[in-house]
Every structure is written in C-alpha cells, then in structure tokens.
Amino acid sequence: MHPTRYLRITFALLLSVHGLASGAPLTPADEAELRLADDVAKTVESIRGWKFKQTVKKGMYSEAELRGFIEKRLVEEYPEKELRDNEAFLRTIGALPESTSLRQTLIDVLMSQIGGFYDPPSKTFYMVKREGTEYGQLVDRILIAHELTHALDDQQVSLDSLMSSRDRSQDGEFVIGALVEGSATEVMTRYVTQAQFSGEMKADDLQKLMKSEEERSRVFLEAPRYFQSLLANYTCGMFFLLQGQLGALLGGTSTVNAGKNFLKAVHDPPRSSEQILHPDKYWNADTRDEPVLIDEASAEGLFKSAGYSVTHENTAGEVLAAILTTPTDEKLDPMAAALPTYWTNPAAEGWGGDRFFLLDSEKGSPRAVWITLWDTADDRTQFETTYASIFGQRLTRASIGTRGVAYLYGFSNDQSSALAKKLSGGALHFTRAGKRWDPKR
C-alpha cells in the first residue's frame, strides 16, 4: 500500500485528505477565514486557465474529527488482510523496520501535518482547525490554492473514479498520487511565485515558516524514508506534468501546459514511477520506456510446481528501489526533496520492472520472492551490490538471465536452492510493450 488514494501530504506543512467529512460548526472567525477561498478561486482559475463549473462548498474540520476519520478511512480502504500483506511486503524487502507499525505511523504522520482537504464525494473543501495554531492569511491562501485546484480538476475528471481505478500496487499508487498532487502543486507553486513577484510574500517568508514548523513536523521528519516519500508525489508529479521543464513555472516562452498534460495523463496514465521520475520516458514517443511485465500465469505455475501458492502481489517501482538503496541513516533534506533527482539514485535508475510475490506453503509458513528486472546487466549488478550492502543481511538470490535477479526470503537452504533453480531455468515469461522481453540480452 502506498497511502495516496485518500491520504496525501504536502511539502513541509500542508496535507490534504480525501473522504467523506461532516465538518464542525462554524464560528464567525471560521467563516471569515473560509471566505478567503472565494478570492483565491479567481486566481486559481487564472493560473490554470479553466473556470469552475460550480461553486465549491466550504467547511471546517476539527483535529478530533480528523483523527477519527483517518482511523475509520484506513480500515475501510485497507481491510486488515490487505494492510497486513502490504506491511509484510514492505517489511520483507527492507522498507519498513520491524519495530514500525504501518498503520500507526501513517496515522501519526498525517495527524502531525494536516492543514486542509478537498472531499470529492461531497464536492467540499475543508480547512482543518488546530487549537492554538494560526498560520496566517498568506499560508491559508497557499493551502486553499492547492485544495481548490483539486476541486477544479475534479470538475474536469472525477478524482474519485481516477483513484478508485488505479493499480493498487506500491508503484501504481505512486503514479496516480503523482498526477493528482502534481497538478495541485503546480498551481500552488505558481500562486506562491505570483505572491513573491507582487511583493505580498518576501523572499525569506517560506524559509521562516518552515523553520517555525520544524517541531510540528518532527514526527514526519523522523519517520522511515518510506513515509517521507509521500513528498515525492508532489514534487515529482509537478515535474512530470511540466515535462521536466521547471522553467515553465516562470512563464516566458514555454509552451508547456500542466493542466492539459494532466488531462492527457489521466486518460493515458503512466505505467510506472520510472516514467514519473523521468518525464521523457513517457512524453517522448521515441524514448518512452514501458515497464517489463512478468507473466502471472508462468509465475504462479512455477510457484505451484514448488508447492507454494501466491497470497499477495506487489510492485515496488523505481521510487521504492531508490529508498531501498539509500542509507537508512540519511536524513531527509526538504530543500533537495523538491527535485525529482532526490527520489532516485544510480542503483535504481536502471529499473526495468519488478514483481513481489508473498507465498504460503502447505504448512502455512509464509515465504516471499521478489523478482527484479533491469535495463542492462550493469544496472542489475549495481542494484544488487548496493541493496545487499544496505539490507544488512545475507540475501538469497537467483539470477534470471543477465538482466534479472530474484530475491528469496524466508526459505531454508534446501528450499532456496530448489526454487532458485526453477527461477533461473527459463520458466518465467516476460513482456514489454506487448512484445516478448528476453532477460538474457
């Protein structure tokens, strides 16, 4: 599970949550704050170049209501078995420490970062009211610009339908989250840029604000890198929709239109986080790089012949491959995280495809196999070497041609040897863009 369908986090201080919300009674001060949205909506329309088809409803949400909603939504969206399987996936490959609870850490991170949310089912924008905390009108306007962009996008394409139809793998969740959050971040960034040029915002205002938010962001900054990668949805998604041209944010002669690109990508979604991280691998037809897919029937047949059944499948993608090959003690650099290059590295950039299989033997003892595929033999070697050095445990591997390697977790030596022989024996079938892909080339 990558928590981006209903639960999304914005850079340093702002978070959006999708889902049905009742809202708290409004005080006169609350109503005055929400009236900011009417003015911000006009600027959002001007920046994006679209008009709102309907006025967006507004409301206020309390912290207590929000915590209850997050806990309830997690149970609804990710039933116990699915959450348990996802936790096993992340823990097995090394993305989630043994002592870390996926559910509780996610709740803690989100509660530490909440600012506001747009709710697609009720078509309502909610501000989150924190007792004893006042962001100031400028920060509220920035948050509102982000959330109203979601509302504007939702009036063009159903965000709820978009996120409901996504691939529920780690990589699939990231792709859809990047499209939705990248769109809103692009408009929000233009809003901030306009505020700076107009003199409404001084050059160091955001730096001062981020410094003041350091204590409240402590939970997020100290969380494992997997949770911090929620930031990548925003920064990498914006970069993708700008086709890699960050200079387009300043206007000038650029012909890049993030809104139009959002609509194109919604109707023809990217197939991997690799395409999000490297926009040219999606937008340029000559260099489009589709992921290598593992034939499910051949994989299930191979595992069945060895006495195992598949109980859960997942895809890590380049973003998670990069997390796994980043030193665990490396602290998040919020400023560097604004660029997509921060969310990948040389060990992950040669990613070609992958698939994780959680298995259950007849005795009920869980086992797992993670099959990874790479663009070149050198790419495979670089990932293998780096992953092994960081994983910190002896890894059982099985070569698949020269461009593939499978990792086996939880097996005895005899079981590993038998399964490794099958994995290396050519029983698995692969395709890329509908054509056969040979791991030996």
Protein backbone atom coordinates (compact mmCIF):
# COMPACT_ATOMS: atom_id res chain seq x y z
CA MET A 1 0.00 0.00 0.00
CA HIS A 2 1.20 3.47 -0.78
CA PRO A 3 -1.13 5.81 1.15
CA THR A 4 -2.07 8.23 -1.61
CA ARG A 5 -5.63 7.40 -2.56
CA TYR A 6 -7.28 9.32 0.27
CA LEU A 7 -4.34 10.32 2.37
CA ARG A 8 -1.86 12.79 0.86
CA ILE A 9 0.82 15.01 2.34
CA THR A 10 2.07 18.38 1.08
CA PHE A 11 5.54 19.88 1.31
CA ALA A 12 6.64 20.60 4.92
CA LEU A 13 3.34 21.79 6.39
CA LEU A 14 0.26 21.14 4.24
CA LEU A 15 -1.71 17.92 3.96
CA SER A 16 -4.86 17.01 2.04
CA VAL A 17 -7.23 14.19 2.93
CA HIS A 18 -9.89 12.78 0.62
CA GLY A 19 -13.00 11.26 2.13
CA LEU A 20 -16.47 11.99 3.48
CA ALA A 21 -16.42 14.55 6.29
CA SER A 22 -19.17 16.12 8.37
CA GLY A 23 -17.41 19.33 9.41
CA ALA A 24 -17.57 21.28 12.68
CA PRO A 25 -19.94 24.21 13.37
CA LEU A 26 -18.52 27.46 12.01
CA THR A 27 -17.71 30.48 14.16
CA PRO A 28 -17.67 33.99 12.65
CA ALA A 29 -13.85 33.78 12.56
CA ASP A 30 -14.08 30.47 10.74
CA GLU A 31 -16.47 31.92 8.19
CA ALA A 32 -14.16 34.89 7.58
CA GLU A 33 -11.25 32.51 7.02
CA LEU A 34 -13.20 30.39 4.58
CA ARG A 35 -14.26 33.47 2.61
CA LEU A 36 -10.62 33.67 1.50
CA ALA A 37 -11.44 30.79 -0.81
CA ASP A 38 -13.74 32.95 -2.93
CA ASP A 39 -10.88 35.29 -3.76
CA VAL A 40 -8.29 32.52 -4.18
CA ALA A 41 -10.62 30.66 -6.55
CA LYS A 42 -10.37 33.51 -9.07
CA THR A 43 -6.58 33.34 -9.03
CA VAL A 44 -6.64 29.55 -9.39
CA GLU A 45 -8.89 29.91 -12.44
CA SER A 46 -6.49 32.45 -13.94
CA ILE A 47 -3.42 30.30 -13.32
CA ARG A 48 -4.92 27.06 -14.63
CA GLY A 49 -6.92 28.66 -17.44
CA TRP A 50 -10.14 26.82 -16.53
CA LYS A 51 -13.36 28.06 -14.98
CA PHE A 52 -15.15 26.41 -12.08
CA LYS A 53 -18.35 24.83 -13.32
CA GLN A 54 -19.89 25.01 -9.86
CA THR A 55 -19.02 26.91 -6.69
CA VAL A 56 -17.04 24.73 -4.31
CA LYS A 57 -18.69 24.23 -0.93
CA LYS A 58 -16.62 25.07 2.15
CA GLY A 59 -16.43 23.81 5.73
CA MET A 60 -14.25 23.43 8.82
CA TYR A 61 -12.91 20.26 10.40
CA SER A 62 -11.57 19.77 13.95
CA GLU A 63 -8.50 17.73 14.90
CA ALA A 64 -10.58 15.24 16.88
CA GLU A 65 -12.92 14.69 13.95
CA LEU A 66 -9.97 14.29 11.64
CA ARG A 67 -8.25 11.61 13.72
CA GLY A 68 -11.47 9.63 13.87
CA PHE A 69 -11.91 9.99 10.14
CA ILE A 70 -8.35 8.87 9.31
CA GLU A 71 -8.66 5.79 11.51
CA LYS A 72 -12.04 4.92 10.04
CA ARG A 73 -10.92 5.53 6.45
CA LEU A 74 -7.85 3.35 6.81
CA VAL A 75 -9.99 0.44 7.94
CA GLU A 76 -12.45 0.98 5.07
CA GLU A 77 -9.85 1.45 2.35
CA TYR A 78 -7.36 -1.14 3.55
CA PRO A 79 -9.01 -4.11 5.30
CA GLU A 80 -6.89 -5.93 7.84
CA LYS A 81 -5.62 -8.62 5.45
CA GLU A 82 -4.62 -6.14 2.76
CA LEU A 83 -2.85 -3.92 5.28
CA ARG A 84 -1.13 -6.95 6.80
CA ASP A 85 0.01 -8.16 3.37
CA ASN A 86 1.31 -4.71 2.43
CA GLU A 87 3.14 -4.44 5.73
CA ALA A 88 4.69 -7.88 5.09
CA PHE A 89 5.77 -6.72 1.62
CA LEU A 90 7.43 -3.54 2.91
CA ARG A 91 9.00 -5.27 5.89
CA THR A 92 10.32 -8.20 3.85
CA ILE A 93 12.21 -6.13 1.30
CA GLY A 94 13.55 -3.77 3.95
CA ALA A 95 11.43 -0.62 3.51
CA LEU A 96 9.71 -0.90 6.90
CA PRO A 97 11.66 -1.56 10.13
CA GLU A 98 10.49 -4.46 12.28
CA SER A 99 9.56 -2.10 15.12
CA THR A 100 7.45 0.21 12.93
CA SER A 101 3.70 -0.19 12.57
CA LEU A 102 2.48 0.78 9.11
CA ARG A 103 -0.97 1.83 10.30
CA GLN A 104 0.05 3.72 13.44
CA THR A 105 3.00 5.51 11.86
CA LEU A 106 0.83 6.62 8.97
CA ILE A 107 -1.80 8.00 11.36
CA ASP A 108 0.86 9.80 13.42
CA VAL A 109 2.49 11.32 10.32
CA LEU A 110 -0.80 12.52 8.91
CA MET A 111 -2.03 13.99 12.18
CA SER A 112 1.20 15.95 12.54
CA GLN A 113 0.85 17.52 9.10
CA ILE A 114 -2.82 18.24 8.47
CA GLY A 115 -3.77 21.59 7.02
CA GLY A 116 -6.88 21.10 4.88
CA PHE A 117 -8.56 18.79 2.39
CA TYR A 118 -10.89 18.63 -0.58
CA ASP A 119 -13.55 15.91 -0.41
CA PRO A 120 -14.58 14.64 -3.90
CA PRO A 121 -17.76 12.76 -2.83
CA SER A 122 -19.32 15.85 -1.23
CA LYS A 123 -17.51 18.32 -3.52
CA THR A 124 -16.48 20.27 -0.43
CA PHE A 125 -13.27 21.99 0.63
CA TYR A 126 -12.49 21.81 4.36
CA MET A 127 -9.98 23.75 6.41
CA VAL A 128 -8.61 21.96 9.47
CA LYS A 129 -8.83 23.95 12.69
CA ARG A 130 -5.91 23.36 15.05
CA GLU A 131 -6.37 24.67 18.56
CA GLY A 132 -3.75 27.26 19.46
CA THR A 133 -2.35 27.38 15.93
CA GLU A 134 -2.75 30.22 13.48
CA TYR A 135 -0.94 30.00 10.15
CA GLY A 136 -1.74 33.47 8.91
CA GLN A 137 -3.69 34.58 5.87
CA LEU A 138 -0.87 34.09 3.37
CA VAL A 139 -0.27 30.45 4.33
CA ASP A 140 -4.02 29.82 4.36
CA ARG A 141 -4.25 31.20 0.83
CA ILE A 142 -1.45 28.91 -0.35
CA LEU A 143 -3.18 25.89 1.18
CA ILE A 144 -6.52 26.93 -0.32
CA ALA A 145 -4.97 27.33 -3.79
CA HIS A 146 -3.71 23.75 -3.61
CA GLU A 147 -7.05 22.33 -2.47
CA LEU A 148 -9.16 24.35 -4.90
CA THR A 149 -7.02 23.01 -7.74
CA HIS A 150 -8.18 19.53 -6.69
CA ALA A 151 -11.74 20.81 -6.84
CA LEU A 152 -11.16 22.34 -10.28
CA ASP A 153 -9.55 19.13 -11.56
CA ASP A 154 -12.42 17.12 -10.08
CA GLN A 155 -14.86 19.14 -12.17
CA GLN A 156 -12.92 18.12 -15.29
CA VAL A 157 -12.30 14.47 -14.41
CA SER A 158 -13.66 12.51 -11.45
CA LEU A 159 -10.79 12.25 -8.97
CA ASP A 160 -12.69 9.63 -7.01
CA SER A 161 -13.08 7.44 -10.10
CA LEU A 162 -9.47 8.03 -11.09
CA MET A 163 -8.13 6.88 -7.75
CA SER A 164 -10.62 4.04 -7.45
CA SER A 165 -9.50 2.54 -10.76
CA ARG A 166 -5.75 2.71 -10.12
CA ASP A 167 -3.37 -0.20 -9.78
CA ARG A 168 -3.25 -0.87 -6.03
CA SER A 169 0.43 -1.84 -6.06
CA GLN A 170 3.06 0.38 -4.46
CA ASP A 171 4.09 1.68 -7.87
CA GLY A 172 0.54 2.10 -9.14
CA GLU A 173 -0.46 4.11 -6.08
CA PHE A 174 2.51 6.40 -6.58
CA VAL A 175 1.65 7.10 -10.23
CA ILE A 176 -1.93 8.23 -9.56
CA GLY A 177 -0.89 10.17 -6.47
CA ALA A 178 1.75 11.98 -8.51
CA LEU A 179 -0.79 13.02 -11.16
CA VAL A 180 -3.32 14.33 -8.64
CA GLU A 181 -0.83 16.02 -6.33
CA GLY A 182 1.48 17.21 -9.09
CA SER A 183 -1.38 19.12 -10.68
CA ALA A 184 -2.30 20.92 -7.46
CA THR A 185 1.33 21.58 -6.56
CA GLU A 186 1.97 23.19 -9.95
CA VAL A 187 -0.85 25.70 -9.44
CA MET A 188 0.14 26.27 -5.80
CA THR A 189 3.74 26.95 -6.84
CA ARG A 190 2.62 29.46 -9.46
CA TYR A 191 0.45 31.07 -6.79
CA VAL A 192 3.47 31.44 -4.50
CA THR A 193 5.57 32.81 -7.36
CA GLN A 194 2.94 35.44 -8.13
CA ALA A 195 2.81 36.40 -4.44
CA GLN A 196 6.57 36.87 -4.44
CA PHE A 197 6.57 39.00 -7.59
CA SER A 198 3.71 41.16 -6.28
CA GLY A 199 5.54 41.78 -3.01
CA GLU A 200 2.85 40.04 -0.94
CA MET A 201 5.44 37.43 0.04
CA LYS A 202 9.01 38.26 0.90
CA ALA A 203 11.78 36.00 -0.41
CA ASP A 204 12.50 34.50 3.01
CA ASP A 205 8.91 34.12 4.22
CA LEU A 206 8.65 30.42 3.36
CA GLN A 207 12.04 29.66 4.91
CA LYS A 208 10.99 31.33 8.15
CA LEU A 209 7.70 29.47 8.06
CA MET A 210 9.40 26.11 7.50
CA LYS A 211 11.72 26.79 10.42
CA SER A 212 8.79 27.54 12.70
CA GLU A 213 7.14 24.30 11.60
CA GLU A 214 10.15 22.08 12.34
CA GLU A 215 8.87 20.96 15.74
CA ARG A 216 5.39 20.12 14.45
CA SER A 217 6.99 18.22 11.56
CA ARG A 218 9.24 16.19 13.85
CA VAL A 219 7.15 13.02 13.50
CA PHE A 220 7.28 13.24 9.73
CA LEU A 221 10.98 14.09 9.56
CA GLU A 222 11.88 11.20 11.87
CA ALA A 223 9.69 8.62 10.12
CA PRO A 224 11.28 5.95 7.89
CA ARG A 225 12.05 7.12 4.35
CA TYR A 226 9.06 5.16 3.02
CA PHE A 227 6.64 7.61 4.70
CA GLN A 228 8.75 10.62 3.74
CA SER A 229 8.45 9.56 0.10
CA LEU A 230 4.91 10.95 0.21
CA LEU A 231 6.61 14.25 -0.66
CA ALA A 232 7.69 12.74 -3.98
CA ASN A 233 4.07 12.65 -5.14
CA TYR A 234 4.02 16.43 -5.06
CA THR A 235 7.43 17.39 -6.35
CA CYS A 236 7.90 14.62 -8.91
CA GLY A 237 4.29 14.86 -10.05
CA MET A 238 4.66 18.58 -10.78
CA PHE A 239 7.94 17.99 -12.60
CA PHE A 240 6.28 15.25 -14.69
CA LEU A 241 3.32 17.44 -15.71
CA LEU A 242 5.75 20.17 -16.72
CA GLN A 243 7.52 17.57 -18.91
CA GLY A 244 10.69 18.17 -16.92
CA GLN A 245 10.76 21.90 -17.66
CA LEU A 246 10.73 23.59 -14.26
CA GLY A 247 11.45 26.88 -16.00
CA ALA A 248 7.89 26.74 -17.32
CA LEU A 249 6.74 27.78 -13.84
CA LEU A 250 8.10 31.23 -14.60
CA GLY A 251 6.10 31.54 -17.81
CA GLY A 252 8.01 33.24 -20.61
CA THR A 253 8.05 31.47 -23.96
CA SER A 254 7.35 27.98 -22.61
CA THR A 255 4.53 26.12 -24.35
CA VAL A 256 4.15 23.52 -21.57
CA ASN A 257 0.62 23.47 -20.13
CA ALA A 258 0.40 21.41 -16.96
CA GLY A 259 -3.40 21.41 -17.00
CA LYS A 260 -3.60 19.95 -20.50
CA ASN A 261 -0.88 17.46 -19.63
CA PHE A 262 -2.86 16.43 -16.55
CA LEU A 263 -5.88 15.63 -18.70
CA LYS A 264 -3.74 13.70 -21.21
CA ALA A 265 -2.07 11.67 -18.47
CA VAL A 266 -5.39 10.89 -16.78
CA HIS A 267 -6.72 9.37 -19.99
CA ASP A 268 -3.43 7.55 -20.72
CA PRO A 269 -1.84 7.03 -17.28
CA PRO A 270 1.90 6.49 -16.91
CA ARG A 271 2.71 2.85 -16.24
CA SER A 272 5.44 3.29 -13.63
CA SER A 273 7.13 5.64 -11.19
CA GLU A 274 10.08 5.48 -13.59
CA GLN A 275 8.03 7.44 -16.14
CA ILE A 276 7.09 9.99 -13.45
CA LEU A 277 10.71 10.43 -12.35
CA HIS A 278 11.96 10.66 -15.93
CA PRO A 279 9.24 12.51 -17.92
CA ASP A 280 11.00 11.94 -21.26
CA LYS A 281 10.36 8.22 -20.79
CA TYR A 282 6.64 8.98 -21.04
CA TRP A 283 6.09 12.16 -23.07
CA ASN A 284 8.61 11.42 -25.84
CA ALA A 285 7.32 8.65 -28.10
CA ASP A 286 10.85 7.82 -29.26
CA THR A 287 12.15 7.30 -25.73
CA ARG A 288 9.01 6.03 -23.98
CA ASP A 289 10.11 3.32 -21.59
CA GLU A 290 7.36 0.86 -20.68
CA PRO A 291 7.92 -1.44 -17.70
CA VAL A 292 8.74 -5.11 -18.17
CA LEU A 293 5.81 -7.25 -17.03
CA ILE A 294 6.05 -10.73 -15.59
CA ASP A 295 3.53 -13.18 -16.99
CA GLU A 296 1.36 -14.00 -13.98
CA ALA A 297 0.42 -17.46 -15.21
CA SER A 298 4.05 -18.52 -15.67
CA ALA A 299 4.95 -17.21 -12.20
CA GLU A 300 2.02 -18.88 -10.46
CA GLY A 301 2.73 -22.12 -12.32
CA LEU A 302 6.36 -22.04 -11.22
CA PHE A 303 5.44 -21.48 -7.57
CA LYS A 304 2.71 -24.12 -7.67
CA SER A 305 5.17 -26.68 -9.02
CA ALA A 306 7.37 -25.93 -5.99
CA GLY A 307 4.44 -26.35 -3.56
CA TYR A 308 3.58 -22.72 -2.93
CA SER A 309 0.52 -20.58 -3.61
CA VAL A 310 0.53 -16.81 -4.16
CA THR A 311 -1.32 -14.86 -1.46
CA HIS A 312 -0.29 -11.30 -2.36
CA GLU A 313 1.43 -9.48 -5.23
CA ASN A 314 3.01 -6.04 -5.40
CA THR A 315 5.31 -3.87 -7.49
CA ALA A 316 7.97 -1.71 -5.85
CA GLY A 317 8.99 0.51 -8.78
CA GLU A 318 11.96 2.83 -9.11
CA VAL A 319 10.99 5.10 -6.21
CA LEU A 320 10.95 2.27 -3.69
CA ALA A 321 14.06 0.70 -5.26
CA ALA A 322 15.80 4.03 -4.60
CA ILE A 323 14.60 4.07 -0.99
CA LEU A 324 16.00 0.57 -0.51
CA THR A 325 19.38 1.67 -1.85
CA THR A 326 19.60 4.86 0.23
CA PRO A 327 21.46 4.61 3.57
CA THR A 328 18.91 4.24 6.36
CA ASP A 329 20.58 6.90 8.48
CA GLU A 330 20.44 9.56 5.76
CA LYS A 331 18.24 12.43 6.92
CA LEU A 332 15.58 13.97 4.70
CA ASP A 333 16.70 17.20 3.04
CA PRO A 334 13.43 19.15 2.47
CA MET A 335 15.00 21.58 0.03
CA ALA A 336 16.67 18.90 -2.12
CA ALA A 337 13.44 16.85 -2.00
CA ALA A 338 11.82 19.48 -4.20
CA LEU A 339 13.64 17.96 -7.21
CA PRO A 340 12.87 14.52 -8.70
CA THR A 341 16.56 13.63 -8.75
CA TYR A 342 16.36 13.36 -4.96
CA TRP A 343 13.95 10.43 -5.20
CA THR A 344 16.13 8.16 -7.31
CA ASN A 345 19.79 7.20 -7.46
CA PRO A 346 22.26 5.36 -9.74
CA ALA A 347 21.39 1.98 -8.19
CA ALA A 348 17.68 2.39 -9.00
CA GLU A 349 17.76 4.28 -12.31
CA GLY A 350 18.25 1.15 -14.40
CA TRP A 351 14.93 -0.29 -13.15
CA GLY A 352 13.08 -2.20 -15.85
CA GLY A 353 10.30 -3.87 -13.88
CA ASP A 354 9.63 -5.96 -10.78
CA ARG A 355 7.05 -8.08 -9.02
CA PHE A 356 6.84 -9.24 -5.42
CA PHE A 357 5.07 -12.49 -4.53
CA LEU A 358 4.07 -13.36 -0.98
CA LEU A 359 3.71 -17.12 -0.78
CA ASP A 360 2.08 -19.58 1.58
CA SER A 361 3.22 -23.18 1.68
CA GLU A 362 1.01 -26.12 2.59
CA LYS A 363 2.34 -25.87 6.16
CA GLY A 364 1.17 -22.26 6.34
CA SER A 365 4.65 -20.78 6.72
CA PRO A 366 4.91 -17.53 4.68
CA ARG A 367 7.67 -17.16 2.12
CA ALA A 368 8.34 -14.40 -0.41
CA VAL A 369 10.05 -13.90 -3.77
CA TRP A 370 10.87 -10.51 -5.28
CA ILE A 371 11.72 -10.64 -8.98
CA THR A 372 13.58 -7.56 -10.25
CA LEU A 373 14.39 -6.79 -13.89
CA TRP A 374 16.92 -4.27 -15.18
CA ASP A 375 17.74 -2.41 -18.38
CA THR A 376 21.28 -3.78 -18.57
CA ALA A 377 23.47 -6.33 -16.81
CA ASP A 378 25.47 -3.46 -15.27
CA ASP A 379 22.26 -1.93 -13.89
CA ARG A 380 21.40 -5.24 -12.25
CA THR A 381 24.86 -5.54 -10.72
CA GLN A 382 24.77 -2.00 -9.35
CA PHE A 383 21.41 -2.57 -7.67
CA GLU A 384 22.45 -5.97 -6.31
CA THR A 385 25.63 -4.62 -4.77
CA THR A 386 24.01 -1.55 -3.21
CA TYR A 387 20.90 -3.35 -1.96
CA ALA A 388 22.99 -6.09 -0.33
CA SER A 389 25.22 -3.56 1.43
CA ILE A 390 22.23 -1.70 2.92
CA PHE A 391 19.89 -4.62 3.61
CA GLY A 392 22.42 -5.78 6.17
CA GLN A 393 21.53 -9.46 5.99
CA ARG A 394 22.56 -12.34 3.81
CA LEU A 395 20.38 -12.25 0.71
CA THR A 396 19.49 -15.39 -1.22
CA ARG A 397 19.49 -14.56 -4.93
CA ALA A 398 18.70 -16.34 -8.17
CA SER A 399 19.93 -14.93 -11.48
CA ILE A 400 17.38 -14.64 -14.27
CA GLY A 401 19.44 -14.26 -17.42
CA THR A 402 21.84 -11.33 -17.22
CA ARG A 403 19.24 -8.63 -16.57
CA GLY A 404 17.11 -10.20 -13.86
CA VAL A 405 17.61 -11.23 -10.26
CA ALA A 406 15.13 -12.78 -7.86
CA TYR A 407 15.42 -12.42 -4.09
CA LEU A 408 14.16 -15.26 -1.89
CA TYR A 409 13.06 -14.54 1.68
CA GLY A 410 12.14 -16.97 4.48
CA PHE A 411 13.20 -20.22 2.84
CA SER A 412 15.51 -22.90 4.21
CA ASN A 413 18.75 -23.53 2.30
CA ASP A 414 17.31 -26.60 0.58
CA GLN A 415 14.09 -24.78 -0.33
CA SER A 416 16.04 -21.81 -1.66
CA SER A 417 18.27 -23.99 -3.82
CA ALA A 418 15.32 -25.82 -5.35
CA LEU A 419 13.31 -22.65 -6.03
CA ALA A 420 16.35 -20.72 -7.31
CA LYS A 421 16.95 -23.43 -9.87
CA LYS A 422 13.38 -23.09 -11.15
CA LEU A 423 13.58 -19.29 -11.25
CA SER A 424 16.81 -19.38 -13.23
CA GLY A 425 15.63 -22.15 -15.53
CA GLY A 426 13.67 -20.08 -18.02
CA ALA A 427 10.13 -20.96 -16.88
CA LEU A 428 9.18 -17.31 -16.38
CA HIS A 429 7.88 -15.27 -19.32
CA PHE A 430 8.25 -11.51 -19.70
CA THR A 431 6.77 -8.85 -21.98
CA ARG A 432 7.45 -5.18 -22.61
CA ALA A 433 5.00 -3.01 -24.54
CA GLY A 434 3.20 -6.18 -25.62
CA LYS A 435 6.33 -7.86 -27.00
CA ARG A 436 8.43 -10.66 -25.56
CA TRP A 437 11.29 -9.45 -23.38
CA ASP A 438 14.40 -11.62 -23.02
CA PRO A 439 16.36 -11.23 -19.75
CA LYS A 440 19.45 -12.73 -21.40
CA ARG A 441 20.02 -9.90 -23.85
